N, C-alpha and C. Protein backbone atom coordinates (compact mmCIF):
# COMPACT_ATOMS: atom_id res chain seq x y z
N UNK A 1 0.85 -1.18 0.00
CA UNK A 1 0.00 0.00 0.00
C UNK A 1 0.89 1.23 0.00
N UNK A 2 0.50 2.22 -0.77
CA UNK A 2 1.25 3.46 -0.81
C UNK A 2 0.31 4.61 -0.51
N UNK A 3 0.74 5.50 0.35
CA UNK A 3 -0.01 6.71 0.62
C UNK A 3 0.79 7.88 0.08
N UNK A 4 0.13 8.77 -0.62
CA UNK A 4 0.81 9.92 -1.20
C UNK A 4 0.26 11.18 -0.57
N UNK A 5 1.16 12.06 -0.18
CA UNK A 5 0.73 13.32 0.41
C UNK A 5 1.81 14.37 0.30
N UNK A 6 1.45 15.58 0.62
CA UNK A 6 2.40 16.69 0.57
C UNK A 6 3.28 16.73 1.81
N UNK A 7 2.90 15.99 2.85
CA UNK A 7 3.69 15.90 4.07
C UNK A 7 3.80 14.42 4.46
N UNK A 8 4.76 14.13 5.31
CA UNK A 8 4.88 12.77 5.82
C UNK A 8 3.59 12.35 6.52
N UNK A 9 3.04 13.25 7.34
CA UNK A 9 1.84 12.92 8.11
C UNK A 9 0.69 12.54 7.19
N UNK A 10 0.51 13.30 6.13
CA UNK A 10 -0.57 13.00 5.19
C UNK A 10 -0.34 11.66 4.49
N UNK A 11 0.87 11.42 4.00
CA UNK A 11 1.17 10.17 3.32
C UNK A 11 1.04 8.98 4.27
N UNK A 12 1.54 9.12 5.48
CA UNK A 12 1.46 8.04 6.48
C UNK A 12 0.01 7.75 6.83
N UNK A 13 -0.77 8.79 7.09
CA UNK A 13 -2.18 8.61 7.43
C UNK A 13 -2.95 7.91 6.32
N UNK A 14 -2.72 8.33 5.09
CA UNK A 14 -3.40 7.71 3.96
C UNK A 14 -2.98 6.25 3.77
N UNK A 15 -1.69 5.98 3.93
CA UNK A 15 -1.21 4.61 3.78
C UNK A 15 -1.82 3.71 4.85
N UNK A 16 -1.87 4.19 6.07
CA UNK A 16 -2.45 3.40 7.16
C UNK A 16 -3.93 3.14 6.89
N UNK A 17 -4.64 4.17 6.45
CA UNK A 17 -6.07 4.03 6.14
C UNK A 17 -6.27 3.01 5.02
N UNK A 18 -5.45 3.12 3.97
CA UNK A 18 -5.57 2.20 2.84
C UNK A 18 -5.27 0.77 3.24
N UNK A 19 -4.41 0.60 4.24
CA UNK A 19 -4.06 -0.74 4.73
C UNK A 19 -5.09 -1.28 5.72
N UNK A 20 -6.12 -0.50 5.99
CA UNK A 20 -7.18 -0.96 6.88
C UNK A 20 -7.06 -0.51 8.31
N UNK A 21 -6.06 0.28 8.62
CA UNK A 21 -5.86 0.78 9.99
C UNK A 21 -6.65 2.08 10.14
N UNK A 22 -7.71 2.04 10.90
CA UNK A 22 -8.52 3.23 11.12
C UNK A 22 -8.22 3.76 12.51
N UNK A 23 -7.61 4.92 12.56
CA UNK A 23 -7.24 5.52 13.85
C UNK A 23 -8.44 6.18 14.49
N UNK A 24 -8.50 6.12 15.80
CA UNK A 24 -9.55 6.90 16.49
C UNK A 24 -9.21 8.38 16.34
N UNK A 25 -10.23 9.20 16.31
CA UNK A 25 -9.98 10.65 16.22
C UNK A 25 -10.36 11.35 17.51
N UNK A 26 -10.83 10.60 18.47
CA UNK A 26 -11.12 11.13 19.80
C UNK A 26 -11.35 9.92 20.71
N UNK A 27 -11.59 10.20 21.97
CA UNK A 27 -11.81 9.12 22.93
C UNK A 27 -10.83 9.23 24.08
N UNK A 28 -10.36 8.09 24.57
CA UNK A 28 -9.45 8.06 25.71
C UNK A 28 -8.11 7.49 25.26
N UNK A 29 -7.05 8.24 25.53
CA UNK A 29 -5.69 7.81 25.21
C UNK A 29 -4.97 7.46 26.50
N UNK A 30 -4.34 6.30 26.52
CA UNK A 30 -3.52 5.87 27.65
C UNK A 30 -2.07 6.13 27.30
N UNK A 31 -1.35 6.79 28.22
CA UNK A 31 0.07 7.04 28.02
C UNK A 31 0.86 6.53 29.22
N UNK A 32 1.89 5.75 28.93
CA UNK A 32 2.85 5.32 29.94
C UNK A 32 4.18 5.19 29.23
N UNK A 33 5.12 6.05 29.61
CA UNK A 33 6.40 6.06 28.90
C UNK A 33 7.57 5.94 29.87
N UNK A 34 8.65 5.40 29.35
CA UNK A 34 9.87 5.25 30.13
C UNK A 34 10.47 6.63 30.42
N UNK A 35 11.30 6.68 31.40
CA UNK A 35 11.92 7.93 31.86
C UNK A 35 12.56 8.71 30.71
N UNK A 36 13.29 8.03 29.85
CA UNK A 36 14.01 8.71 28.76
C UNK A 36 13.08 9.39 27.77
N UNK A 37 11.82 8.97 27.70
CA UNK A 37 10.87 9.54 26.74
C UNK A 37 10.01 10.65 27.33
N UNK A 38 10.14 10.91 28.61
CA UNK A 38 9.24 11.87 29.26
C UNK A 38 9.41 13.29 28.76
N UNK A 39 10.56 13.61 28.19
CA UNK A 39 10.77 14.97 27.67
C UNK A 39 9.87 15.27 26.47
N UNK A 40 9.27 14.24 25.89
CA UNK A 40 8.38 14.41 24.74
C UNK A 40 6.90 14.45 25.14
N UNK A 41 6.61 14.33 26.42
CA UNK A 41 5.23 14.20 26.85
C UNK A 41 4.37 15.42 26.55
N UNK A 42 4.90 16.60 26.71
CA UNK A 42 4.10 17.80 26.43
C UNK A 42 3.65 17.82 24.98
N UNK A 43 4.57 17.56 24.08
CA UNK A 43 4.24 17.55 22.65
C UNK A 43 3.15 16.52 22.34
N UNK A 44 3.35 15.30 22.79
CA UNK A 44 2.38 14.23 22.51
C UNK A 44 1.06 14.52 23.21
N UNK A 45 1.12 14.90 24.47
CA UNK A 45 -0.10 15.21 25.22
C UNK A 45 -0.89 16.34 24.60
N UNK A 46 -0.21 17.41 24.23
CA UNK A 46 -0.90 18.55 23.60
C UNK A 46 -1.56 18.16 22.29
N UNK A 47 -0.87 17.34 21.49
CA UNK A 47 -1.47 16.91 20.21
C UNK A 47 -2.72 16.06 20.46
N UNK A 48 -2.65 15.17 21.44
CA UNK A 48 -3.81 14.33 21.72
C UNK A 48 -4.98 15.15 22.26
N UNK A 49 -4.70 16.08 23.15
CA UNK A 49 -5.77 16.94 23.67
C UNK A 49 -6.39 17.77 22.55
N UNK A 50 -5.56 18.31 21.67
CA UNK A 50 -6.07 19.12 20.56
C UNK A 50 -6.93 18.28 19.62
N UNK A 51 -6.63 17.01 19.52
CA UNK A 51 -7.40 16.11 18.67
C UNK A 51 -8.73 15.73 19.32
N UNK A 52 -8.87 15.99 20.62
CA UNK A 52 -10.12 15.69 21.31
C UNK A 52 -10.06 14.50 22.24
N UNK A 53 -8.87 14.03 22.54
CA UNK A 53 -8.72 12.90 23.45
C UNK A 53 -8.70 13.35 24.90
N UNK A 54 -9.20 12.48 25.76
CA UNK A 54 -8.99 12.56 27.20
C UNK A 54 -7.78 11.67 27.45
N UNK A 55 -6.91 12.07 28.36
CA UNK A 55 -5.69 11.30 28.61
C UNK A 55 -5.73 10.66 29.99
N UNK A 56 -5.37 9.37 30.04
CA UNK A 56 -5.14 8.67 31.30
C UNK A 56 -3.70 8.17 31.25
N UNK A 57 -3.06 8.11 32.41
CA UNK A 57 -1.65 7.74 32.45
C UNK A 57 -1.31 7.08 33.77
N UNK A 58 -0.24 6.30 33.77
CA UNK A 58 0.27 5.74 35.01
C UNK A 58 0.84 6.86 35.86
N UNK A 59 1.02 6.61 37.14
CA UNK A 59 1.39 7.67 38.09
C UNK A 59 2.59 8.52 37.67
N UNK A 60 3.70 7.89 37.35
CA UNK A 60 4.90 8.64 36.99
C UNK A 60 4.70 9.48 35.74
N UNK A 61 4.08 8.89 34.74
CA UNK A 61 3.81 9.62 33.50
C UNK A 61 2.80 10.73 33.76
N UNK A 62 1.76 10.44 34.55
CA UNK A 62 0.75 11.46 34.86
C UNK A 62 1.37 12.65 35.59
N UNK A 63 2.24 12.37 36.52
CA UNK A 63 2.90 13.45 37.26
C UNK A 63 3.67 14.36 36.30
N UNK A 64 4.40 13.75 35.38
CA UNK A 64 5.17 14.54 34.41
C UNK A 64 4.26 15.30 33.46
N UNK A 65 3.18 14.67 33.00
CA UNK A 65 2.22 15.36 32.15
C UNK A 65 1.64 16.58 32.86
N UNK A 66 1.24 16.39 34.10
CA UNK A 66 0.67 17.50 34.88
C UNK A 66 1.70 18.59 35.12
N UNK A 67 2.96 18.22 35.32
CA UNK A 67 4.03 19.21 35.52
C UNK A 67 4.23 20.11 34.31
N UNK A 68 3.92 19.59 33.12
CA UNK A 68 4.08 20.40 31.90
C UNK A 68 2.75 20.95 31.41
N UNK A 69 1.71 20.86 32.25
CA UNK A 69 0.43 21.49 31.94
C UNK A 69 -0.53 20.67 31.10
N UNK A 70 -0.32 19.37 31.02
CA UNK A 70 -1.22 18.51 30.25
C UNK A 70 -2.16 17.80 31.22
N UNK A 71 -3.45 18.02 31.05
CA UNK A 71 -4.47 17.45 31.92
C UNK A 71 -4.59 15.95 31.68
N UNK A 72 -4.62 15.19 32.78
CA UNK A 72 -4.78 13.74 32.65
C UNK A 72 -5.30 13.17 33.97
N UNK A 73 -5.75 11.93 33.89
CA UNK A 73 -6.17 11.18 35.07
C UNK A 73 -5.23 10.00 35.26
N UNK A 74 -5.12 9.53 36.49
CA UNK A 74 -4.23 8.42 36.82
C UNK A 74 -4.97 7.09 36.68
N UNK A 75 -4.28 6.11 36.10
CA UNK A 75 -4.80 4.75 36.00
C UNK A 75 -3.76 3.82 36.62
N UNK A 76 -4.22 2.75 37.24
CA UNK A 76 -3.32 1.79 37.87
C UNK A 76 -2.54 0.97 36.86
N UNK A 77 -1.27 0.69 37.21
CA UNK A 77 -0.52 -0.32 36.48
C UNK A 77 -1.11 -1.67 36.88
N UNK A 78 -0.76 -2.71 36.17
CA UNK A 78 -1.31 -4.04 36.47
C UNK A 78 -1.02 -4.47 37.89
N UNK A 79 0.15 -4.20 38.39
CA UNK A 79 0.53 -4.65 39.74
C UNK A 79 0.04 -3.72 40.85
N UNK A 80 -0.68 -2.67 40.49
CA UNK A 80 -1.16 -1.71 41.49
C UNK A 80 -2.61 -1.92 41.88
N UNK A 81 -3.20 -3.00 41.44
CA UNK A 81 -4.57 -3.28 41.81
C UNK A 81 -5.54 -3.00 40.68
N UNK A 82 -6.81 -3.16 41.00
CA UNK A 82 -7.86 -3.03 40.00
C UNK A 82 -8.81 -1.92 40.37
N UNK A 83 -9.42 -1.30 39.39
CA UNK A 83 -9.23 -1.51 37.96
C UNK A 83 -7.88 -0.97 37.51
N UNK A 84 -7.30 -1.63 36.51
CA UNK A 84 -6.01 -1.22 35.98
C UNK A 84 -6.13 -1.03 34.47
N UNK A 85 -5.02 -0.72 33.84
CA UNK A 85 -5.05 -0.42 32.41
C UNK A 85 -5.54 -1.60 31.58
N UNK A 86 -5.17 -2.82 31.94
CA UNK A 86 -5.63 -3.98 31.18
C UNK A 86 -7.14 -4.13 31.32
N UNK A 87 -7.68 -3.90 32.51
CA UNK A 87 -9.13 -3.93 32.70
C UNK A 87 -9.81 -2.90 31.80
N UNK A 88 -9.24 -1.72 31.73
CA UNK A 88 -9.83 -0.66 30.90
C UNK A 88 -9.81 -1.04 29.42
N UNK A 89 -8.74 -1.68 28.96
CA UNK A 89 -8.68 -2.12 27.57
C UNK A 89 -9.73 -3.19 27.32
N UNK A 90 -9.84 -4.16 28.23
CA UNK A 90 -10.84 -5.22 28.10
C UNK A 90 -12.25 -4.66 28.06
N UNK A 91 -12.50 -3.61 28.83
CA UNK A 91 -13.81 -2.97 28.87
C UNK A 91 -14.03 -2.01 27.70
N UNK A 92 -13.02 -1.93 26.83
CA UNK A 92 -13.04 -1.04 25.66
C UNK A 92 -13.22 0.42 26.06
N UNK A 93 -12.58 0.78 27.17
CA UNK A 93 -12.58 2.17 27.64
C UNK A 93 -11.38 2.95 27.11
N UNK A 94 -10.47 2.29 26.41
CA UNK A 94 -9.26 2.93 25.88
C UNK A 94 -9.30 2.86 24.36
N UNK A 95 -9.01 3.99 23.72
CA UNK A 95 -9.06 4.06 22.26
C UNK A 95 -7.68 4.11 21.61
N UNK A 96 -6.69 4.54 22.38
CA UNK A 96 -5.34 4.71 21.83
C UNK A 96 -4.33 4.50 22.95
N UNK A 97 -3.23 3.83 22.63
CA UNK A 97 -2.20 3.53 23.64
C UNK A 97 -0.84 4.00 23.15
N UNK A 98 -0.14 4.74 24.01
CA UNK A 98 1.26 5.10 23.80
C UNK A 98 2.02 4.51 24.98
N UNK A 99 2.82 3.47 24.71
CA UNK A 99 3.49 2.75 25.79
C UNK A 99 4.92 2.42 25.41
N UNK A 100 5.87 3.12 26.03
CA UNK A 100 7.28 2.79 25.82
C UNK A 100 7.81 2.22 27.13
N UNK A 101 8.72 1.26 27.02
CA UNK A 101 9.16 0.58 28.23
C UNK A 101 10.66 0.42 28.29
N UNK A 102 11.11 0.16 29.51
CA UNK A 102 12.46 -0.33 29.77
C UNK A 102 12.39 -1.05 31.11
N UNK A 103 13.18 -2.07 31.26
CA UNK A 103 13.15 -2.84 32.49
C UNK A 103 12.26 -4.06 32.36
N UNK A 104 12.56 -5.04 33.18
CA UNK A 104 11.89 -6.33 33.10
C UNK A 104 10.39 -6.27 33.40
N UNK A 105 10.00 -5.63 34.50
CA UNK A 105 8.59 -5.59 34.87
C UNK A 105 7.77 -4.78 33.87
N UNK A 106 8.28 -3.64 33.47
CA UNK A 106 7.56 -2.81 32.49
C UNK A 106 7.37 -3.55 31.17
N UNK A 107 8.37 -4.30 30.78
CA UNK A 107 8.28 -5.06 29.53
C UNK A 107 7.24 -6.16 29.65
N UNK A 108 7.17 -6.83 30.80
CA UNK A 108 6.13 -7.85 31.02
C UNK A 108 4.75 -7.20 30.98
N UNK A 109 4.59 -6.07 31.66
CA UNK A 109 3.30 -5.36 31.64
C UNK A 109 2.94 -4.96 30.22
N UNK A 110 3.92 -4.47 29.48
CA UNK A 110 3.68 -4.03 28.11
C UNK A 110 3.19 -5.17 27.23
N UNK A 111 3.71 -6.37 27.47
CA UNK A 111 3.25 -7.54 26.71
C UNK A 111 1.75 -7.75 26.93
N UNK A 112 1.31 -7.68 28.17
CA UNK A 112 -0.12 -7.86 28.48
C UNK A 112 -0.95 -6.76 27.85
N UNK A 113 -0.46 -5.53 27.92
CA UNK A 113 -1.17 -4.40 27.33
C UNK A 113 -1.30 -4.59 25.82
N UNK A 114 -0.21 -4.96 25.15
CA UNK A 114 -0.24 -5.16 23.70
C UNK A 114 -1.17 -6.31 23.32
N UNK A 115 -1.13 -7.39 24.09
CA UNK A 115 -2.00 -8.53 23.80
C UNK A 115 -3.48 -8.13 23.86
N UNK A 116 -3.85 -7.42 24.93
CA UNK A 116 -5.24 -6.98 25.04
C UNK A 116 -5.59 -5.97 23.95
N UNK A 117 -4.65 -5.09 23.64
CA UNK A 117 -4.89 -4.10 22.58
C UNK A 117 -5.16 -4.80 21.25
N UNK A 118 -4.39 -5.82 20.94
CA UNK A 118 -4.62 -6.57 19.70
C UNK A 118 -5.97 -7.27 19.71
N UNK A 119 -6.32 -7.89 20.84
CA UNK A 119 -7.59 -8.61 20.92
C UNK A 119 -8.78 -7.67 20.81
N UNK A 120 -8.62 -6.44 21.26
CA UNK A 120 -9.73 -5.49 21.25
C UNK A 120 -9.59 -4.44 20.16
N UNK A 121 -8.63 -4.65 19.26
CA UNK A 121 -8.41 -3.76 18.12
C UNK A 121 -8.20 -2.31 18.55
N UNK A 122 -7.41 -2.15 19.61
CA UNK A 122 -7.09 -0.82 20.13
C UNK A 122 -5.78 -0.36 19.50
N UNK A 123 -5.78 0.83 18.94
CA UNK A 123 -4.58 1.38 18.32
C UNK A 123 -3.52 1.60 19.38
N UNK A 124 -2.29 1.18 19.08
CA UNK A 124 -1.21 1.39 20.04
C UNK A 124 0.10 1.63 19.32
N UNK A 125 1.01 2.28 20.03
CA UNK A 125 2.37 2.48 19.53
C UNK A 125 3.33 2.29 20.70
N UNK A 126 4.51 1.79 20.38
CA UNK A 126 5.50 1.51 21.42
C UNK A 126 6.72 2.41 21.32
N UNK A 127 6.63 3.47 20.52
CA UNK A 127 7.73 4.43 20.41
C UNK A 127 7.18 5.85 20.40
N UNK A 128 7.99 6.79 20.84
CA UNK A 128 7.61 8.20 20.78
C UNK A 128 7.48 8.64 19.33
N UNK A 129 8.40 8.19 18.47
CA UNK A 129 8.33 8.54 17.06
C UNK A 129 7.02 8.06 16.44
N UNK A 130 6.61 6.85 16.81
CA UNK A 130 5.34 6.33 16.33
C UNK A 130 4.16 7.13 16.84
N UNK A 131 4.22 7.55 18.11
CA UNK A 131 3.14 8.37 18.68
C UNK A 131 3.04 9.70 17.95
N UNK A 132 4.18 10.31 17.69
CA UNK A 132 4.21 11.59 16.99
C UNK A 132 3.62 11.44 15.58
N UNK A 133 4.05 10.41 14.86
CA UNK A 133 3.54 10.17 13.51
C UNK A 133 2.05 9.90 13.53
N UNK A 134 1.61 9.08 14.47
CA UNK A 134 0.20 8.75 14.59
C UNK A 134 -0.64 9.99 14.87
N UNK A 135 -0.20 10.83 15.80
CA UNK A 135 -0.94 12.05 16.14
C UNK A 135 -1.06 12.98 14.94
N UNK A 136 0.02 13.14 14.21
CA UNK A 136 0.00 14.03 13.05
C UNK A 136 -0.81 13.44 11.90
N UNK A 137 -0.82 12.12 11.78
CA UNK A 137 -1.51 11.46 10.67
C UNK A 137 -3.02 11.38 10.86
N UNK A 138 -3.49 11.50 12.09
CA UNK A 138 -4.92 11.34 12.35
C UNK A 138 -5.79 12.25 11.50
N UNK A 139 -5.31 13.42 11.19
CA UNK A 139 -6.09 14.36 10.41
C UNK A 139 -6.29 13.90 8.97
N UNK A 140 -5.50 12.93 8.53
CA UNK A 140 -5.53 12.53 7.13
C UNK A 140 -6.02 11.11 6.89
N UNK A 141 -6.41 10.39 7.90
CA UNK A 141 -6.70 8.96 7.72
C UNK A 141 -7.92 8.69 6.85
N UNK A 142 -8.79 9.65 6.66
CA UNK A 142 -9.92 9.41 5.76
C UNK A 142 -9.92 10.40 4.60
N UNK A 143 -8.78 10.99 4.33
CA UNK A 143 -8.65 11.95 3.24
C UNK A 143 -8.74 11.25 1.90
N UNK A 144 -9.51 11.80 1.00
CA UNK A 144 -9.62 11.25 -0.34
C UNK A 144 -8.92 12.14 -1.36
N UNK A 145 -8.14 13.09 -0.88
CA UNK A 145 -7.37 13.97 -1.77
C UNK A 145 -6.41 13.12 -2.59
N UNK A 146 -6.46 13.26 -3.90
CA UNK A 146 -5.61 12.49 -4.80
C UNK A 146 -4.55 13.41 -5.38
N UNK A 147 -3.32 12.92 -5.43
CA UNK A 147 -2.22 13.68 -6.02
C UNK A 147 -1.65 12.91 -7.19
N UNK A 148 -1.33 13.61 -8.24
CA UNK A 148 -0.65 13.03 -9.38
C UNK A 148 0.84 12.96 -9.05
N UNK A 149 1.44 11.79 -9.16
CA UNK A 149 2.84 11.63 -8.82
C UNK A 149 3.74 12.54 -9.66
N UNK A 150 3.37 12.76 -10.91
CA UNK A 150 4.17 13.63 -11.77
C UNK A 150 4.16 15.07 -11.24
N UNK A 151 3.01 15.52 -10.74
CA UNK A 151 2.93 16.88 -10.18
C UNK A 151 3.78 16.99 -8.93
N UNK A 152 3.72 15.99 -8.07
CA UNK A 152 4.54 16.01 -6.86
C UNK A 152 6.03 15.99 -7.21
N UNK A 153 6.39 15.19 -8.20
CA UNK A 153 7.79 15.14 -8.63
C UNK A 153 8.24 16.51 -9.15
N UNK A 154 7.41 17.14 -9.95
CA UNK A 154 7.74 18.46 -10.48
C UNK A 154 7.93 19.47 -9.35
N UNK A 155 7.05 19.45 -8.36
CA UNK A 155 7.16 20.37 -7.22
C UNK A 155 8.46 20.14 -6.46
N UNK A 156 8.79 18.89 -6.24
CA UNK A 156 10.03 18.57 -5.51
C UNK A 156 11.25 19.01 -6.31
N UNK A 157 11.21 18.76 -7.60
CA UNK A 157 12.33 19.15 -8.47
C UNK A 157 12.51 20.66 -8.48
N UNK A 158 11.41 21.39 -8.54
CA UNK A 158 11.47 22.85 -8.56
C UNK A 158 12.01 23.41 -7.25
N UNK A 159 11.76 22.70 -6.15
CA UNK A 159 12.26 23.14 -4.85
C UNK A 159 13.72 22.77 -4.65
N UNK A 160 14.25 21.97 -5.54
CA UNK A 160 15.65 21.58 -5.43
C UNK A 160 15.92 20.52 -4.38
N UNK A 161 14.90 19.76 -4.05
CA UNK A 161 15.05 18.71 -3.03
C UNK A 161 15.59 17.45 -3.65
C-alpha cells in the first residue's frame, strides 16, 4: 500500500487508512512512557488533547504530564490493583495507547497491554516517534485527496530537493 501526500503525516495517514488501519480521532488515550521519553510528553499530550482525546496515564507519567500542563487522570498499572489499564482495555474504555518501556517488569506489563490491545483492536504504539507520527496522521486517515505523482515530482524538483 502506498499513501501519497504533501507531508509525511498525510502520506502516512493515507497509507495506514488504505491498509485498513482506522485511527480513532477522539476518545481516551492511555500514556505510559519510560523515563528517557518523558521529555516528549508535552508535545504528545498537547497533540492528543487538541485532537479531542482525554488522557489517562500511570502515576509517573501522569505526574510529568501534569508538571508540563497537560491534563490527565491516573490509571493503575497491572501490579497496582484493580481496575487497571488492562481492565480498561478489556472494557473497551481505551481508544489509543502510547506505551514505551524499559526494564523487566515494564516489559512484562507491556506484553499484556499489547495482547489486550490486539484482541480489542485498540490502536497502540510503542515508540515516541510512532506516537508523533500517529498524532499528526490522524487528520488525514480518511482523506480522499488524490495527487498526481508527476505533479509532486515536479514540485520537488522545482524546490531543489
